[in-house]
Structure formats: C-alpha cells, structure tokens
Amino acid sequence: MAPASFVIIQSVLSMTHGLHLRATAEGIETRQEWDILKALGCQEGQSYLFGRPMRKEDLVTLTISNDLPEQRLAGQSMS
C-alpha cells in the first residue's frame, strides 16, 4: 500500500470513527490489504477477495451452509 494511500485511509477511518459510523472498504485485492485495514479499525470489507457477486438464492444457500467467504479466507469472522 502506497504511503499516501495509507494516510488517506487512516484519515477517513478516523473521521468515520469520530462520527460513530462504520466504514466499509471496497476493492480489497489481497489478504495483506485487508489485514492493514482491520488494524486501522475498518470494520467491513467488500471485494472479490471475499466473494463474487451472486444471486440472492445462492447467498441464502451459502449462508445456510455456514461457509461464508470471509470465514474461508480468514478461518474466522471479519470483525
């Protein structure tokens, strides 16, 4: 992650936390990026890293199977 990107992300997360909002990062490409975002206090992520877009029926099936993308990625919850 480029130093300028890091500073921007850190600033946005600081602002969202100060406003008591949750931040969702989009376009996360690597596990390393997600680990950095979590360490900075990002609570949620959305990207192909966690799973491709899917139909609602497929999401229900995936949820029922308890094999959520972030659990496969991390072996644990994203939080």
PDB file of N, CA and C in Angstrom:
ATOM      1  N   MET A   1       0.859  -1.175   0.000  1.00  0.00           N
ATOM      2  CA  MET A   1       0.000   0.000   0.000  1.00  0.00           C
ATOM      3  C   MET A   1       0.906   1.240   0.000  1.00  0.00           C
ATOM      4  N   ALA A   2       0.641   2.141  -0.904  1.00  0.00           N
ATOM      5  CA  ALA A   2       1.438   3.365  -1.015  1.00  0.00           C
ATOM      6  C   ALA A   2       1.260   4.239   0.231  1.00  0.00           C
ATOM      7  N   PRO A   3       2.330   4.927   0.663  1.00  0.00           N
ATOM      8  CA  PRO A   3       2.232   5.779   1.852  1.00  0.00           C
ATOM      9  C   PRO A   3       1.084   6.798   1.783  1.00  0.00           C
ATOM     10  N   ALA A   4       0.868   7.406   0.629  1.00  0.00           N
ATOM     11  CA  ALA A   4      -0.220   8.383   0.501  1.00  0.00           C
ATOM     12  C   ALA A   4      -1.574   7.705   0.691  1.00  0.00           C
ATOM     13  N   SER A   5      -1.742   6.514   0.146  1.00  0.00           N
ATOM     14  CA  SER A   5      -3.000   5.776   0.313  1.00  0.00           C
ATOM     15  C   SER A   5      -3.237   5.461   1.778  1.00  0.00           C
ATOM     16  N   PHE A   6      -2.167   5.060   2.463  1.00  0.00           N
ATOM     17  CA  PHE A   6      -2.257   4.741   3.879  1.00  0.00           C
ATOM     18  C   PHE A   6      -2.755   5.941   4.676  1.00  0.00           C
ATOM     19  N   VAL A   7      -2.209   7.103   4.412  1.00  0.00           N
ATOM     20  CA  VAL A   7      -2.589   8.326   5.133  1.00  0.00           C
ATOM     21  C   VAL A   7      -4.045   8.679   4.851  1.00  0.00           C
ATOM     22  N   ILE A   8      -4.467   8.560   3.600  1.00  0.00           N
ATOM     23  CA  ILE A   8      -5.860   8.860   3.239  1.00  0.00           C
ATOM     24  C   ILE A   8      -6.807   7.903   3.945  1.00  0.00           C
ATOM     25  N   ILE A   9      -6.491   6.619   3.904  1.00  0.00           N
ATOM     26  CA  ILE A   9      -7.350   5.618   4.553  1.00  0.00           C
ATOM     27  C   ILE A   9      -7.411   5.860   6.045  1.00  0.00           C
ATOM     28  N   GLN A  10      -6.271   6.112   6.646  1.00  0.00           N
ATOM     29  CA  GLN A  10      -6.220   6.384   8.081  1.00  0.00           C
ATOM     30  C   GLN A  10      -7.075   7.601   8.436  1.00  0.00           C
ATOM     31  N   SER A  11      -7.025   8.642   7.623  1.00  0.00           N
ATOM     32  CA  SER A  11      -7.802   9.862   7.871  1.00  0.00           C
ATOM     33  C   SER A  11      -9.296   9.610   7.743  1.00  0.00           C
ATOM     34  N   VAL A  12      -9.689   8.889   6.708  1.00  0.00           N
ATOM     35  CA  VAL A  12     -11.120   8.584   6.510  1.00  0.00           C
ATOM     36  C   VAL A  12     -11.640   7.728   7.656  1.00  0.00           C
ATOM     37  N   LEU A  13     -10.879   6.725   8.062  1.00  0.00           N
ATOM     38  CA  LEU A  13     -11.313   5.875   9.175  1.00  0.00           C
ATOM     39  C   LEU A  13     -11.405   6.672  10.474  1.00  0.00           C
ATOM     40  N   SER A  14     -10.468   7.570  10.703  1.00  0.00           N
ATOM     41  CA  SER A  14     -10.513   8.414  11.894  1.00  0.00           C
ATOM     42  C   SER A  14     -11.781   9.272  11.895  1.00  0.00           C
ATOM     43  N   MET A  15     -12.117   9.821  10.734  1.00  0.00           N
ATOM     44  CA  MET A  15     -13.313  10.643  10.618  1.00  0.00           C
ATOM     45  C   MET A  15     -14.574   9.804  10.855  1.00  0.00           C
ATOM     46  N   THR A  16     -14.651   8.621  10.249  1.00  0.00           N
ATOM     47  CA  THR A  16     -15.857   7.804  10.435  1.00  0.00           C
ATOM     48  C   THR A  16     -16.004   7.373  11.889  1.00  0.00           C
ATOM     49  N   HIS A  17     -14.901   7.029  12.520  1.00  0.00           N
ATOM     50  CA  HIS A  17     -14.984   6.640  13.930  1.00  0.00           C
ATOM     51  C   HIS A  17     -15.402   7.824  14.792  1.00  0.00           C
ATOM     52  N   GLY A  18     -14.881   9.017  14.486  1.00  0.00           N
ATOM     53  CA  GLY A  18     -15.254  10.222  15.231  1.00  0.00           C
ATOM     54  C   GLY A  18     -16.736  10.548  15.099  1.00  0.00           C
ATOM     55  N   LEU A  19     -17.325  10.164  13.985  1.00  0.00           N
ATOM     56  CA  LEU A  19     -18.753  10.389  13.749  1.00  0.00           C
ATOM     57  C   LEU A  19     -19.606   9.190  14.165  1.00  0.00           C
ATOM     58  N   HIS A  20     -18.967   8.192  14.768  1.00  0.00           N
ATOM     59  CA  HIS A  20     -19.638   6.967  15.221  1.00  0.00           C
ATOM     60  C   HIS A  20     -20.326   6.237  14.060  1.00  0.00           C
ATOM     61  N   LEU A  21     -19.613   6.182  12.929  1.00  0.00           N
ATOM     62  CA  LEU A  21     -20.102   5.470  11.753  1.00  0.00           C
ATOM     63  C   LEU A  21     -19.238   4.241  11.521  1.00  0.00           C
ATOM     64  N   ARG A  22     -19.749   3.321  10.717  1.00  0.00           N
ATOM     65  CA  ARG A  22     -18.970   2.151  10.325  1.00  0.00           C
ATOM     66  C   ARG A  22     -18.387   2.399   8.942  1.00  0.00           C
ATOM     67  N   ALA A  23     -17.190   1.939   8.729  1.00  0.00           N
ATOM     68  CA  ALA A  23     -16.528   2.096   7.436  1.00  0.00           C
ATOM     69  C   ALA A  23     -16.506   0.758   6.708  1.00  0.00           C
ATOM     70  N   THR A  24     -16.799   0.789   5.418  1.00  0.00           N
ATOM     71  CA  THR A  24     -16.711  -0.393   4.565  1.00  0.00           C
ATOM     72  C   THR A  24     -15.708  -0.110   3.462  1.00  0.00           C
ATOM     73  N   ALA A  25     -14.646  -0.894   3.416  1.00  0.00           N
ATOM     74  CA  ALA A  25     -13.637  -0.750   2.368  1.00  0.00           C
ATOM     75  C   ALA A  25     -14.063  -1.581   1.163  1.00  0.00           C
ATOM     76  N   GLU A  26     -13.900  -1.017  -0.014  1.00  0.00           N
ATOM     77  CA  GLU A  26     -14.238  -1.723  -1.244  1.00  0.00           C
ATOM     78  C   GLU A  26     -12.979  -1.929  -2.075  1.00  0.00           C
ATOM     79  N   GLY A  27     -12.988  -2.962  -2.886  1.00  0.00           N
ATOM     80  CA  GLY A  27     -11.893  -3.194  -3.809  1.00  0.00           C
ATOM     81  C   GLY A  27     -10.628  -3.731  -3.172  1.00  0.00           C
ATOM     82  N   ILE A  28     -10.757  -4.420  -2.056  1.00  0.00           N
ATOM     83  CA  ILE A  28      -9.606  -5.011  -1.386  1.00  0.00           C
ATOM     84  C   ILE A  28      -9.087  -6.151  -2.274  1.00  0.00           C
ATOM     85  N   GLU A  29      -7.819  -6.122  -2.604  1.00  0.00           N
ATOM     86  CA  GLU A  29      -7.283  -7.116  -3.535  1.00  0.00           C
ATOM     87  C   GLU A  29      -6.487  -8.229  -2.877  1.00  0.00           C
ATOM     88  N   THR A  30      -5.913  -7.979  -1.703  1.00  0.00           N
ATOM     89  CA  THR A  30      -5.081  -9.002  -1.068  1.00  0.00           C
ATOM     90  C   THR A  30      -5.418  -9.148   0.409  1.00  0.00           C
ATOM     91  N   ARG A  31      -5.030 -10.287   0.959  1.00  0.00           N
ATOM     92  CA  ARG A  31      -5.217 -10.524   2.391  1.00  0.00           C
ATOM     93  C   ARG A  31      -4.401  -9.504   3.187  1.00  0.00           C
ATOM     94  N   GLN A  32      -3.229  -9.133   2.696  1.00  0.00           N
ATOM     95  CA  GLN A  32      -2.388  -8.148   3.378  1.00  0.00           C
ATOM     96  C   GLN A  32      -3.104  -6.800   3.479  1.00  0.00           C
ATOM     97  N   GLU A  33      -3.760  -6.374   2.400  1.00  0.00           N
ATOM     98  CA  GLU A  33      -4.521  -5.114   2.446  1.00  0.00           C
ATOM     99  C   GLU A  33      -5.631  -5.195   3.491  1.00  0.00           C
ATOM    100  N   TRP A  34      -6.329  -6.329   3.528  1.00  0.00           N
ATOM    101  CA  TRP A  34      -7.418  -6.487   4.499  1.00  0.00           C
ATOM    102  C   TRP A  34      -6.872  -6.457   5.920  1.00  0.00           C
ATOM    103  N   ASP A  35      -5.735  -7.099   6.163  1.00  0.00           N
ATOM    104  CA  ASP A  35      -5.133  -7.086   7.497  1.00  0.00           C
ATOM    105  C   ASP A  35      -4.766  -5.664   7.927  1.00  0.00           C
ATOM    106  N   ILE A  36      -4.231  -4.878   6.997  1.00  0.00           N
ATOM    107  CA  ILE A  36      -3.889  -3.480   7.295  1.00  0.00           C
ATOM    108  C   ILE A  36      -5.148  -2.685   7.609  1.00  0.00           C
ATOM    109  N   LEU A  37      -6.178  -2.852   6.793  1.00  0.00           N
ATOM    110  CA  LEU A  37      -7.440  -2.123   7.012  1.00  0.00           C
ATOM    111  C   LEU A  37      -8.045  -2.478   8.361  1.00  0.00           C
ATOM    112  N   LYS A  38      -8.047  -3.758   8.717  1.00  0.00           N
ATOM    113  CA  LYS A  38      -8.571  -4.169  10.024  1.00  0.00           C
ATOM    114  C   LYS A  38      -7.762  -3.546  11.154  1.00  0.00           C
ATOM    115  N   ALA A  39      -6.429  -3.536  11.008  1.00  0.00           N
ATOM    116  CA  ALA A  39      -5.569  -2.956  12.043  1.00  0.00           C
ATOM    117  C   ALA A  39      -5.839  -1.460  12.218  1.00  0.00           C
ATOM    118  N   LEU A  40      -6.250  -0.804  11.143  1.00  0.00           N
ATOM    119  CA  LEU A  40      -6.580   0.624  11.212  1.00  0.00           C
ATOM    120  C   LEU A  40      -7.996   0.872  11.733  1.00  0.00           C
ATOM    121  N   GLY A  41      -8.761  -0.196  11.942  1.00  0.00           N
ATOM    122  CA  GLY A  41     -10.098  -0.054  12.500  1.00  0.00           C
ATOM    123  C   GLY A  41     -11.232  -0.165  11.510  1.00  0.00           C
ATOM    124  N   CYS A  42     -10.959  -0.615  10.293  1.00  0.00           N
ATOM    125  CA  CYS A  42     -12.029  -0.812   9.318  1.00  0.00           C
ATOM    126  C   CYS A  42     -12.831  -2.047   9.719  1.00  0.00           C
ATOM    127  N   GLN A  43     -14.143  -1.898   9.806  1.00  0.00           N
ATOM    128  CA  GLN A  43     -14.977  -2.985  10.300  1.00  0.00           C
ATOM    129  C   GLN A  43     -15.493  -3.925   9.213  1.00  0.00           C
ATOM    130  N   GLU A  44     -15.599  -3.446   7.987  1.00  0.00           N
ATOM    131  CA  GLU A  44     -16.221  -4.246   6.933  1.00  0.00           C
ATOM    132  C   GLU A  44     -15.454  -4.101   5.631  1.00  0.00           C
ATOM    133  N   GLY A  45     -15.488  -5.158   4.834  1.00  0.00           N
ATOM    134  CA  GLY A  45     -14.857  -5.130   3.526  1.00  0.00           C
ATOM    135  C   GLY A  45     -15.745  -5.762   2.481  1.00  0.00           C
ATOM    136  N   GLN A  46     -15.582  -5.302   1.268  1.00  0.00           N
ATOM    137  CA  GLN A  46     -16.379  -5.809   0.156  1.00  0.00           C
ATOM    138  C   GLN A  46     -15.469  -5.894  -1.060  1.00  0.00           C
ATOM    139  N   SER A  47     -15.315  -7.103  -1.599  1.00  0.00           N
ATOM    140  CA  SER A  47     -14.460  -7.249  -2.773  1.00  0.00           C
ATOM    141  C   SER A  47     -14.492  -8.690  -3.261  1.00  0.00           C
ATOM    142  N   TYR A  48     -13.875  -8.913  -4.407  1.00  0.00           N
ATOM    143  CA  TYR A  48     -13.750 -10.268  -4.925  1.00  0.00           C
ATOM    144  C   TYR A  48     -12.896 -11.133  -4.006  1.00  0.00           C
ATOM    145  N   LEU A  49     -12.092 -10.518  -3.155  1.00  0.00           N
ATOM    146  CA  LEU A  49     -11.302 -11.277  -2.192  1.00  0.00           C
ATOM    147  C   LEU A  49     -12.212 -12.123  -1.308  1.00  0.00           C
ATOM    148  N   PHE A  50     -13.374 -11.589  -0.969  1.00  0.00           N
ATOM    149  CA  PHE A  50     -14.321 -12.291  -0.101  1.00  0.00           C
ATOM    150  C   PHE A  50     -15.330 -13.116  -0.884  1.00  0.00           C
ATOM    151  N   GLY A  51     -15.624 -12.713  -2.095  1.00  0.00           N
ATOM    152  CA  GLY A  51     -16.584 -13.469  -2.894  1.00  0.00           C
ATOM    153  C   GLY A  51     -17.102 -12.661  -4.066  1.00  0.00           C
ATOM    154  N   ARG A  52     -17.463 -13.352  -5.100  1.00  0.00           N
ATOM    155  CA  ARG A  52     -18.017 -12.739  -6.301  1.00  0.00           C
ATOM    156  C   ARG A  52     -19.480 -12.366  -6.065  1.00  0.00           C
ATOM    157  N   PRO A  53     -20.006 -11.404  -6.828  1.00  0.00           N
ATOM    158  CA  PRO A  53     -21.441 -11.116  -6.735  1.00  0.00           C
ATOM    159  C   PRO A  53     -22.239 -12.382  -7.024  1.00  0.00           C
ATOM    160  N   MET A  54     -23.375 -12.527  -6.346  1.00  0.00           N
ATOM    161  CA  MET A  54     -24.173 -13.734  -6.543  1.00  0.00           C
ATOM    162  C   MET A  54     -25.660 -13.444  -6.424  1.00  0.00           C
ATOM    163  N   ARG A  55     -26.433 -14.368  -6.925  1.00  0.00           N
ATOM    164  CA  ARG A  55     -27.893 -14.253  -6.830  1.00  0.00           C
ATOM    165  C   ARG A  55     -28.311 -14.452  -5.376  1.00  0.00           C
ATOM    166  N   LYS A  56     -29.461 -13.890  -5.016  1.00  0.00           N
ATOM    167  CA  LYS A  56     -29.899 -13.984  -3.617  1.00  0.00           C
ATOM    168  C   LYS A  56     -30.114 -15.433  -3.198  1.00  0.00           C
ATOM    169  N   GLU A  57     -30.565 -16.273  -4.112  1.00  0.00           N
ATOM    170  CA  GLU A  57     -30.784 -17.683  -3.788  1.00  0.00           C
ATOM    171  C   GLU A  57     -29.458 -18.365  -3.430  1.00  0.00           C
ATOM    172  N   ASP A  58     -28.408 -17.998  -4.155  1.00  0.00           N
ATOM    173  CA  ASP A  58     -27.090 -18.575  -3.866  1.00  0.00           C
ATOM    174  C   ASP A  58     -26.553 -18.066  -2.529  1.00  0.00           C
ATOM    175  N   LEU A  59     -26.839 -16.812  -2.205  1.00  0.00           N
ATOM    176  CA  LEU A  59     -26.413 -16.255  -0.924  1.00  0.00           C
ATOM    177  C   LEU A  59     -27.101 -16.983   0.224  1.00  0.00           C
ATOM    178  N   VAL A  60     -28.392 -17.247   0.076  1.00  0.00           N
ATOM    179  CA  VAL A  60     -29.131 -17.968   1.119  1.00  0.00           C
ATOM    180  C   VAL A  60     -28.520 -19.354   1.314  1.00  0.00           C
ATOM    181  N   THR A  61     -28.237 -20.043   0.222  1.00  0.00           N
ATOM    182  CA  THR A  61     -27.635 -21.370   0.303  1.00  0.00           C
ATOM    183  C   THR A  61     -26.267 -21.303   0.981  1.00  0.00           C
ATOM    184  N   LEU A  62     -25.461 -20.333   0.610  1.00  0.00           N
ATOM    185  CA  LEU A  62     -24.140 -20.170   1.193  1.00  0.00           C
ATOM    186  C   LEU A  62     -24.235 -19.871   2.681  1.00  0.00           C
ATOM    187  N   THR A  63     -25.164 -19.013   3.060  1.00  0.00           N
ATOM    188  CA  THR A  63     -25.345 -18.655   4.465  1.00  0.00           C
ATOM    189  C   THR A  63     -25.795 -19.862   5.283  1.00  0.00           C
ATOM    190  N   ILE A  64     -26.725 -20.618   4.740  1.00  0.00           N
ATOM    191  CA  ILE A  64     -27.224 -21.804   5.438  1.00  0.00           C
ATOM    192  C   ILE A  64     -26.111 -22.834   5.616  1.00  0.00           C
ATOM    193  N   SER A  65     -25.238 -22.942   4.624  1.00  0.00           N
ATOM    194  CA  SER A  65     -24.137 -23.911   4.708  1.00  0.00           C
ATOM    195  C   SER A  65     -23.066 -23.468   5.698  1.00  0.00           C
ATOM    196  N   ASN A  66     -23.161 -22.199   6.159  1.00  0.00           N
ATOM    197  CA  ASN A  66     -22.210 -21.636   7.116  1.00  0.00           C
ATOM    198  C   ASN A  66     -20.778 -21.653   6.582  1.00  0.00           C
ATOM    199  N   ASP A  67     -20.641 -21.476   5.282  1.00  0.00           N
ATOM    200  CA  ASP A  67     -19.331 -21.451   4.635  1.00  0.00           C
ATOM    201  C   ASP A  67     -19.132 -20.077   4.001  1.00  0.00           C
ATOM    202  N   LEU A  68     -19.192 -19.042   4.836  1.00  0.00           N
ATOM    203  CA  LEU A  68     -19.116 -17.672   4.345  1.00  0.00           C
ATOM    204  C   LEU A  68     -17.728 -17.357   3.827  1.00  0.00           C
ATOM    205  N   PRO A  69     -17.629 -16.526   2.781  1.00  0.00           N
ATOM    206  CA  PRO A  69     -16.330 -16.233   2.166  1.00  0.00           C
ATOM    207  C   PRO A  69     -15.274 -15.735   3.137  1.00  0.00           C
ATOM    208  N   GLU A  70     -15.627 -14.837   4.053  1.00  0.00           N
ATOM    209  CA  GLU A  70     -14.603 -14.313   4.955  1.00  0.00           C
ATOM    210  C   GLU A  70     -14.129 -15.385   5.921  1.00  0.00           C
ATOM    211  N   GLN A  71     -14.973 -16.349   6.235  1.00  0.00           N
ATOM    212  CA  GLN A  71     -14.540 -17.435   7.109  1.00  0.00           C
ATOM    213  C   GLN A  71     -13.583 -18.358   6.368  1.00  0.00           C
ATOM    214  N   ARG A  72     -13.820 -18.566   5.088  1.00  0.00           N
ATOM    215  CA  ARG A  72     -12.881 -19.369   4.304  1.00  0.00           C
ATOM    216  C   ARG A  72     -11.555 -18.630   4.176  1.00  0.00           C
ATOM    217  N   LEU A  73     -11.615 -17.318   4.036  1.00  0.00           N
ATOM    218  CA  LEU A  73     -10.409 -16.514   3.860  1.00  0.00           C
ATOM    219  C   LEU A  73      -9.583 -16.492   5.138  1.00  0.00           C
ATOM    220  N   ALA A  74     -10.235 -16.197   6.239  1.00  0.00           N
ATOM    221  CA  ALA A  74      -9.507 -15.931   7.481  1.00  0.00           C
ATOM    222  C   ALA A  74      -9.581 -17.081   8.487  1.00  0.00           C
ATOM    223  N   GLY A  75     -10.502 -18.008   8.266  1.00  0.00           N
ATOM    224  CA  GLY A  75     -10.705 -19.034   9.267  1.00  0.00           C
ATOM    225  C   GLY A  75     -11.432 -18.484  10.481  1.00  0.00           C
ATOM    226  N   GLN A  76     -11.998 -17.284  10.318  1.00  0.00           N
ATOM    227  CA  GLN A  76     -12.709 -16.614  11.411  1.00  0.00           C
ATOM    228  C   GLN A  76     -13.565 -15.499  10.835  1.00  0.00           C
ATOM    229  N   SER A  77     -14.304 -14.818  11.690  1.00  0.00           N
ATOM    230  CA  SER A  77     -15.117 -13.690  11.278  1.00  0.00           C
ATOM    231  C   SER A  77     -14.245 -12.528  10.838  1.00  0.00           C
ATOM    232  N   MET A  78     -14.790 -11.624   9.988  1.00  0.00           N
ATOM    233  CA  MET A  78     -14.049 -10.451   9.544  1.00  0.00           C
ATOM    234  C   MET A  78     -13.841  -9.457  10.668  1.00  0.00           C
ATOM    235  N   SER A  79     -14.677  -9.455  11.680  1.00  0.00           N
ATOM    236  CA  SER A  79     -14.572  -8.457  12.757  1.00  0.00           C
ATOM    237  C   SER A  79     -13.408  -8.758  13.668  1.00  0.00           C
TER     238      SER A  79
END
